[in-house]
Full PDB file with SEQRES, HELIX, SHEET, SSBOND, CRYST1, ORIGX, SCALE, CONECT and MASTER records, all heavy atoms in Angstrom:
SEQRES   1 A   30  PRO LEU ASP GLY GLY LYS ALA SER ASN GLN ALA VAL ALA          
SEQRES   2 A   30  LEU ALA ARG LEU GLY VAL PRO VAL ARG LEU LEU THR VAL          
SEQRES   3 A   30  VAL GLY SER ASP                                              
HELIX    1 AA1 LYS A    6  ARG A   16  1                                  11    
CRYST1    1.000    1.000    1.000  90.00  90.00  90.00 P 1           1          
ORIGX1      1.000000  0.000000  0.000000        0.00000                         
ORIGX2      0.000000  1.000000  0.000000        0.00000                         
ORIGX3      0.000000  0.000000  1.000000        0.00000                         
SCALE1      1.000000  0.000000  0.000000        0.00000                         
SCALE2      0.000000  1.000000  0.000000        0.00000                         
SCALE3      0.000000  0.000000  1.000000        0.00000                         
ATOM      1  N   PRO A   1       0.819  -1.213   0.000  1.00  0.00           N  
ATOM      2  CA  PRO A   1       0.000   0.000   0.000  1.00  0.00           C  
ATOM      3  C   PRO A   1       0.854   1.264   0.000  1.00  0.00           C  
ATOM      4  O   PRO A   1       2.072   1.215   0.161  1.00  0.00           O  
ATOM      5  CB  PRO A   1      -0.778  -0.119   1.312  1.00  0.00           C  
ATOM      6  CG  PRO A   1       0.176  -0.857   2.205  1.00  0.00           C  
ATOM      7  CD  PRO A   1       0.902  -1.832   1.315  1.00  0.00           C  
ATOM      8  N   LEU A   2       0.198   2.408  -0.164  1.00  0.00           N  
ATOM      9  CA  LEU A   2       0.873   3.673   0.036  1.00  0.00           C  
ATOM     10  C   LEU A   2       1.188   3.785   1.515  1.00  0.00           C  
ATOM     11  O   LEU A   2       0.301   3.888   2.357  1.00  0.00           O  
ATOM     12  CB  LEU A   2      -0.030   4.832  -0.413  1.00  0.00           C  
ATOM     13  CG  LEU A   2      -0.171   5.002  -1.922  1.00  0.00           C  
ATOM     14  CD1 LEU A   2      -1.329   5.931  -2.249  1.00  0.00           C  
ATOM     15  CD2 LEU A   2       1.129   5.542  -2.510  1.00  0.00           C  
ATOM     16  N   ASP A   3       2.467   3.718   1.826  1.00  0.00           N  
ATOM     17  CA  ASP A   3       2.861   3.567   3.215  1.00  0.00           C  
ATOM     18  C   ASP A   3       4.292   4.044   3.348  1.00  0.00           C  
ATOM     19  O   ASP A   3       4.970   4.298   2.358  1.00  0.00           O  
ATOM     20  CB  ASP A   3       2.747   2.074   3.592  1.00  0.00           C  
ATOM     21  CG  ASP A   3       2.849   1.842   5.076  1.00  0.00           C  
ATOM     22  OD1 ASP A   3       2.859   2.834   5.832  1.00  0.00           O  
ATOM     23  OD2 ASP A   3       2.939   0.681   5.483  1.00  0.00           O  
ATOM     24  N   GLY A   4       4.750   4.182   4.576  1.00  0.00           N  
ATOM     25  CA  GLY A   4       6.118   4.648   4.730  1.00  0.00           C  
ATOM     26  C   GLY A   4       6.703   4.297   6.060  1.00  0.00           C  
ATOM     27  O   GLY A   4       6.110   3.583   6.864  1.00  0.00           O  
ATOM     28  N   GLY A   5       7.881   4.856   6.316  1.00  0.00           N  
ATOM     29  CA  GLY A   5       8.427   4.834   7.659  1.00  0.00           C  
ATOM     30  C   GLY A   5       7.699   5.884   8.485  1.00  0.00           C  
ATOM     31  O   GLY A   5       6.779   6.567   8.006  1.00  0.00           O  
ATOM     32  N   LYS A   6       8.116   6.041   9.728  1.00  0.00           N  
ATOM     33  CA  LYS A   6       7.444   6.991  10.605  1.00  0.00           C  
ATOM     34  C   LYS A   6       7.555   8.415  10.067  1.00  0.00           C  
ATOM     35  O   LYS A   6       6.584   9.176  10.086  1.00  0.00           O  
ATOM     36  CB  LYS A   6       8.016   6.896  12.016  1.00  0.00           C  
ATOM     37  CG  LYS A   6       7.690   5.576  12.700  1.00  0.00           C  
ATOM     38  CD  LYS A   6       8.235   5.525  14.105  1.00  0.00           C  
ATOM     39  CE  LYS A   6       7.894   4.177  14.737  1.00  0.00           C  
ATOM     40  NZ  LYS A   6       6.452   3.951  14.829  1.00  0.00           N  
ATOM     41  N   ALA A   7       8.729   8.795   9.586  1.00  0.00           N  
ATOM     42  CA  ALA A   7       8.910  10.164   9.113  1.00  0.00           C  
ATOM     43  C   ALA A   7       8.016  10.478   7.920  1.00  0.00           C  
ATOM     44  O   ALA A   7       7.326  11.503   7.897  1.00  0.00           O  
ATOM     45  CB  ALA A   7      10.370  10.404   8.750  1.00  0.00           C  
ATOM     46  N   SER A   8       8.006   9.596   6.923  1.00  0.00           N  
ATOM     47  CA  SER A   8       7.199   9.884   5.741  1.00  0.00           C  
ATOM     48  C   SER A   8       5.709   9.789   6.049  1.00  0.00           C  
ATOM     49  O   SER A   8       4.898  10.570   5.527  1.00  0.00           O  
ATOM     50  CB  SER A   8       7.582   8.969   4.577  1.00  0.00           C  
ATOM     51  OG  SER A   8       7.715   7.628   4.976  1.00  0.00           O  
ATOM     52  N   ASN A   9       5.314   8.861   6.933  1.00  0.00           N  
ATOM     53  CA  ASN A   9       3.916   8.831   7.371  1.00  0.00           C  
ATOM     54  C   ASN A   9       3.526  10.143   8.038  1.00  0.00           C  
ATOM     55  O   ASN A   9       2.457  10.710   7.766  1.00  0.00           O  
ATOM     56  CB  ASN A   9       3.694   7.685   8.361  1.00  0.00           C  
ATOM     57  CG  ASN A   9       3.454   6.354   7.682  1.00  0.00           C  
ATOM     58  OD1 ASN A   9       3.156   6.278   6.509  1.00  0.00           O  
ATOM     59  ND2 ASN A   9       3.582   5.280   8.453  1.00  0.00           N  
ATOM     60  N   GLN A  10       4.366  10.621   8.936  1.00  0.00           N  
ATOM     61  CA  GLN A  10       4.052  11.849   9.655  1.00  0.00           C  
ATOM     62  C   GLN A  10       3.992  13.051   8.716  1.00  0.00           C  
ATOM     63  O   GLN A  10       3.123  13.926   8.854  1.00  0.00           O  
ATOM     64  CB  GLN A  10       5.083  12.062  10.765  1.00  0.00           C  
ATOM     65  CG  GLN A  10       4.946  11.041  11.887  1.00  0.00           C  
ATOM     66  CD  GLN A  10       6.134  10.988  12.820  1.00  0.00           C  
ATOM     67  OE1 GLN A  10       7.009  11.859  12.789  1.00  0.00           O  
ATOM     68  NE2 GLN A  10       6.187   9.971  13.675  1.00  0.00           N  
ATOM     69  N   ALA A  11       4.890  13.088   7.739  1.00  0.00           N  
ATOM     70  CA  ALA A  11       4.875  14.195   6.787  1.00  0.00           C  
ATOM     71  C   ALA A  11       3.592  14.203   5.958  1.00  0.00           C  
ATOM     72  O   ALA A  11       2.972  15.252   5.745  1.00  0.00           O  
ATOM     73  CB  ALA A  11       6.101  14.121   5.880  1.00  0.00           C  
ATOM     74  N   VAL A  12       3.177  13.034   5.486  1.00  0.00           N  
ATOM     75  CA  VAL A  12       1.943  12.952   4.703  1.00  0.00           C  
ATOM     76  C   VAL A  12       0.734  13.307   5.565  1.00  0.00           C  
ATOM     77  O   VAL A  12      -0.172  14.026   5.129  1.00  0.00           O  
ATOM     78  CB  VAL A  12       1.782  11.551   4.079  1.00  0.00           C  
ATOM     79  CG1 VAL A  12       0.389  11.362   3.495  1.00  0.00           C  
ATOM     80  CG2 VAL A  12       2.838  11.345   2.995  1.00  0.00           C  
ATOM     81  N   ALA A  13       0.721  12.830   6.804  1.00  0.00           N  
ATOM     82  CA  ALA A  13      -0.388  13.166   7.705  1.00  0.00           C  
ATOM     83  C   ALA A  13      -0.475  14.673   7.930  1.00  0.00           C  
ATOM     84  O   ALA A  13      -1.574  15.246   7.974  1.00  0.00           O  
ATOM     85  CB  ALA A  13      -0.225  12.433   9.031  1.00  0.00           C  
ATOM     86  N   LEU A  14       0.648  15.335   8.057  1.00  0.00           N  
ATOM     87  CA  LEU A  14       0.660  16.791   8.194  1.00  0.00           C  
ATOM     88  C   LEU A  14       0.127  17.470   6.929  1.00  0.00           C  
ATOM     89  O   LEU A  14      -0.674  18.409   7.004  1.00  0.00           O  
ATOM     90  CB  LEU A  14       2.080  17.272   8.487  1.00  0.00           C  
ATOM     91  CG  LEU A  14       2.528  17.161   9.941  1.00  0.00           C  
ATOM     92  CD1 LEU A  14       4.040  17.068  10.050  1.00  0.00           C  
ATOM     93  CD2 LEU A  14       2.013  18.361  10.735  1.00  0.00           C  
ATOM     94  N   ALA A  15       0.569  16.987   5.782  1.00  0.00           N  
ATOM     95  CA  ALA A  15       0.106  17.579   4.520  1.00  0.00           C  
ATOM     96  C   ALA A  15      -1.403  17.422   4.363  1.00  0.00           C  
ATOM     97  O   ALA A  15      -2.090  18.334   3.888  1.00  0.00           O  
ATOM     98  CB  ALA A  15       0.838  16.945   3.345  1.00  0.00           C  
ATOM     99  N   ARG A  16      -1.942  16.278   4.750  1.00  0.00           N  
ATOM    100  CA  ARG A  16      -3.382  16.051   4.651  1.00  0.00           C  
ATOM    101  C   ARG A  16      -4.168  16.974   5.590  1.00  0.00           C  
ATOM    102  O   ARG A  16      -5.350  17.233   5.359  1.00  0.00           O  
ATOM    103  CB  ARG A  16      -3.708  14.584   4.926  1.00  0.00           C  
ATOM    104  CG  ARG A  16      -3.339  13.675   3.747  1.00  0.00           C  
ATOM    105  CD  ARG A  16      -3.667  12.222   4.024  1.00  0.00           C  
ATOM    106  NE  ARG A  16      -5.070  11.965   4.298  1.00  0.00           N  
ATOM    107  CZ  ARG A  16      -6.020  11.827   3.360  1.00  0.00           C  
ATOM    108  NH1 ARG A  16      -5.711  11.923   2.074  1.00  0.00           N  
ATOM    109  NH2 ARG A  16      -7.261  11.570   3.707  1.00  0.00           N  
ATOM    110  N   LEU A  17      -3.498  17.467   6.623  1.00  0.00           N  
ATOM    111  CA  LEU A  17      -4.124  18.446   7.517  1.00  0.00           C  
ATOM    112  C   LEU A  17      -3.956  19.882   7.006  1.00  0.00           C  
ATOM    113  O   LEU A  17      -4.359  20.831   7.674  1.00  0.00           O  
ATOM    114  CB  LEU A  17      -3.528  18.325   8.920  1.00  0.00           C  
ATOM    115  CG  LEU A  17      -3.879  17.042   9.673  1.00  0.00           C  
ATOM    116  CD1 LEU A  17      -3.052  16.931  10.947  1.00  0.00           C  
ATOM    117  CD2 LEU A  17      -5.372  16.996   9.999  1.00  0.00           C  
ATOM    118  N   GLY A  18      -3.331  20.027   5.845  1.00  0.00           N  
ATOM    119  CA  GLY A  18      -3.162  21.347   5.254  1.00  0.00           C  
ATOM    120  C   GLY A  18      -1.984  22.124   5.799  1.00  0.00           C  
ATOM    121  O   GLY A  18      -1.897  23.342   5.614  1.00  0.00           O  
ATOM    122  N   VAL A  19      -1.048  21.436   6.448  1.00  0.00           N  
ATOM    123  CA  VAL A  19       0.101  22.096   7.061  1.00  0.00           C  
ATOM    124  C   VAL A  19       1.278  22.089   6.091  1.00  0.00           C  
ATOM    125  O   VAL A  19       1.594  21.040   5.513  1.00  0.00           O  
ATOM    126  CB  VAL A  19       0.503  21.370   8.365  1.00  0.00           C  
ATOM    127  CG1 VAL A  19       1.750  21.994   8.977  1.00  0.00           C  
ATOM    128  CG2 VAL A  19      -0.651  21.404   9.359  1.00  0.00           C  
ATOM    129  N   PRO A  20       1.957  23.227   5.891  1.00  0.00           N  
ATOM    130  CA  PRO A  20       3.172  23.204   5.065  1.00  0.00           C  
ATOM    131  C   PRO A  20       4.240  22.359   5.736  1.00  0.00           C  
ATOM    132  O   PRO A  20       4.572  22.580   6.903  1.00  0.00           O  
ATOM    133  CB  PRO A  20       3.576  24.677   4.971  1.00  0.00           C  
ATOM    134  CG  PRO A  20       2.912  25.352   6.121  1.00  0.00           C  
ATOM    135  CD  PRO A  20       1.661  24.584   6.399  1.00  0.00           C  
ATOM    136  N   VAL A  21       4.769  21.383   4.994  1.00  0.00           N  
ATOM    137  CA  VAL A  21       5.683  20.430   5.612  1.00  0.00           C  
ATOM    138  C   VAL A  21       6.808  20.076   4.652  1.00  0.00           C  
ATOM    139  O   VAL A  21       6.581  19.894   3.451  1.00  0.00           O  
ATOM    140  CB  VAL A  21       4.922  19.156   6.065  1.00  0.00           C  
ATOM    141  CG1 VAL A  21       4.122  18.537   4.930  1.00  0.00           C  
ATOM    142  CG2 VAL A  21       5.869  18.123   6.674  1.00  0.00           C  
ATOM    143  N   ARG A  22       8.018  20.010   5.193  1.00  0.00           N  
ATOM    144  CA  ARG A  22       9.184  19.542   4.450  1.00  0.00           C  
ATOM    145  C   ARG A  22       9.598  18.201   5.014  1.00  0.00           C  
ATOM    146  O   ARG A  22       9.635  18.024   6.235  1.00  0.00           O  
ATOM    147  CB  ARG A  22      10.353  20.519   4.587  1.00  0.00           C  
ATOM    148  CG  ARG A  22      10.149  21.836   3.900  1.00  0.00           C  
ATOM    149  CD  ARG A  22      11.367  22.736   4.044  1.00  0.00           C  
ATOM    150  NE  ARG A  22      11.022  24.088   3.619  1.00  0.00           N  
ATOM    151  CZ  ARG A  22      11.372  25.193   4.256  1.00  0.00           C  
ATOM    152  NH1 ARG A  22      12.114  25.109   5.349  1.00  0.00           N  
ATOM    153  NH2 ARG A  22      10.997  26.373   3.804  1.00  0.00           N  
ATOM    154  N   LEU A  23       9.959  17.293   4.124  1.00  0.00           N  
ATOM    155  CA  LEU A  23      10.431  15.973   4.521  1.00  0.00           C  
ATOM    156  C   LEU A  23      11.877  15.804   4.084  1.00  0.00           C  
ATOM    157  O   LEU A  23      12.191  15.934   2.901  1.00  0.00           O  
ATOM    158  CB  LEU A  23       9.566  14.881   3.897  1.00  0.00           C  
ATOM    159  CG  LEU A  23      10.036  13.437   4.104  1.00  0.00           C  
ATOM    160  CD1 LEU A  23      10.049  13.073   5.589  1.00  0.00           C  
ATOM    161  CD2 LEU A  23       9.159  12.470   3.317  1.00  0.00           C  
ATOM    162  N   LEU A  24      12.747  15.528   5.047  1.00  0.00           N  
ATOM    163  CA  LEU A  24      14.140  15.211   4.757  1.00  0.00           C  
ATOM    164  C   LEU A  24      14.320  13.725   5.008  1.00  0.00           C  
ATOM    165  O   LEU A  24      14.360  13.269   6.153  1.00  0.00           O  
ATOM    166  CB  LEU A  24      15.091  16.017   5.655  1.00  0.00           C  
ATOM    167  CG  LEU A  24      15.431  17.449   5.211  1.00  0.00           C  
ATOM    168  CD1 LEU A  24      14.186  18.316   5.172  1.00  0.00           C  
ATOM    169  CD2 LEU A  24      16.475  18.067   6.135  1.00  0.00           C  
ATOM    170  N   THR A  25      14.412  12.954   3.916  1.00  0.00           N  
ATOM    171  CA  THR A  25      14.523  11.512   4.027  1.00  0.00           C  
ATOM    172  C   THR A  25      15.382  10.981   2.889  1.00  0.00           C  
ATOM    173  O   THR A  25      15.911  11.757   2.083  1.00  0.00           O  
ATOM    174  CB  THR A  25      13.124  10.858   4.027  1.00  0.00           C  
ATOM    175  OG1 THR A  25      13.240   9.502   4.464  1.00  0.00           O  
ATOM    176  CG2 THR A  25      12.473  10.884   2.650  1.00  0.00           C  
ATOM    177  N   VAL A  26      15.523   9.662   2.831  1.00  0.00           N  
ATOM    178  CA  VAL A  26      16.313   8.996   1.799  1.00  0.00           C  
ATOM    179  C   VAL A  26      15.477   7.899   1.161  1.00  0.00           C  
ATOM    180  O   VAL A  26      14.832   7.118   1.867  1.00  0.00           O  
ATOM    181  CB  VAL A  26      17.594   8.376   2.390  1.00  0.00           C  
ATOM    182  CG1 VAL A  26      18.391   7.643   1.312  1.00  0.00           C  
ATOM    183  CG2 VAL A  26      18.462   9.443   3.035  1.00  0.00           C  
ATOM    184  N   VAL A  27      15.484   7.843  -0.172  1.00  0.00           N  
ATOM    185  CA  VAL A  27      14.852   6.737  -0.888  1.00  0.00           C  
ATOM    186  C   VAL A  27      15.871   6.156  -1.866  1.00  0.00           C  
ATOM    187  O   VAL A  27      16.870   6.794  -2.194  1.00  0.00           O  
ATOM    188  CB  VAL A  27      13.585   7.163  -1.646  1.00  0.00           C  
ATOM    189  CG1 VAL A  27      12.532   7.694  -0.691  1.00  0.00           C  
ATOM    190  CG2 VAL A  27      13.915   8.195  -2.723  1.00  0.00           C  
ATOM    191  N   GLY A  28      15.598   4.948  -2.351  1.00  0.00           N  
ATOM    192  CA  GLY A  28      16.449   4.335  -3.362  1.00  0.00           C  
ATOM    193  C   GLY A  28      16.120   4.831  -4.758  1.00  0.00           C  
ATOM    194  O   GLY A  28      15.136   5.560  -4.975  1.00  0.00           O  
ATOM    195  N   SER A  29      16.931   4.382  -5.707  1.00  0.00           N  
ATOM    196  CA  SER A  29      16.765   4.803  -7.096  1.00  0.00           C  
ATOM    197  C   SER A  29      15.788   3.915  -7.864  1.00  0.00           C  
ATOM    198  O   SER A  29      15.649   4.046  -9.073  1.00  0.00           O  
ATOM    199  CB  SER A  29      18.120   4.780  -7.804  1.00  0.00           C  
ATOM    200  OG  SER A  29      18.708   3.480  -7.714  1.00  0.00           O  
ATOM    201  N   ASP A  30      15.085   3.014  -7.166  1.00  0.00           N  
ATOM    202  CA  ASP A  30      14.186   2.065  -7.814  1.00  0.00           C  
ATOM    203  C   ASP A  30      12.783   2.626  -7.992  1.00  0.00           C  
ATOM    204  O   ASP A  30      12.513   3.787  -7.664  1.00  0.00           O  
ATOM    205  CB  ASP A  30      14.128   0.772  -6.981  1.00  0.00           C  
ATOM    206  CG  ASP A  30      13.642   1.018  -5.554  1.00  0.00           C  
ATOM    207  OD1 ASP A  30      13.539   2.200  -5.132  1.00  0.00           O  
ATOM    208  OD2 ASP A  30      13.374   0.033  -4.847  1.00  0.00           O  
TER     209      ASP A  30                                                      
MASTER        0    0    0    1    0    0    0    6  208    1    0    3          
END                                                                             
């Protein structure tokens, strides 16, 4: 599913609440 670690989950939850949010994380090239 559309899912993440804690940081990316929290960032998306903030965005869904209409809050301006920056996410500093790492993803792979896949």
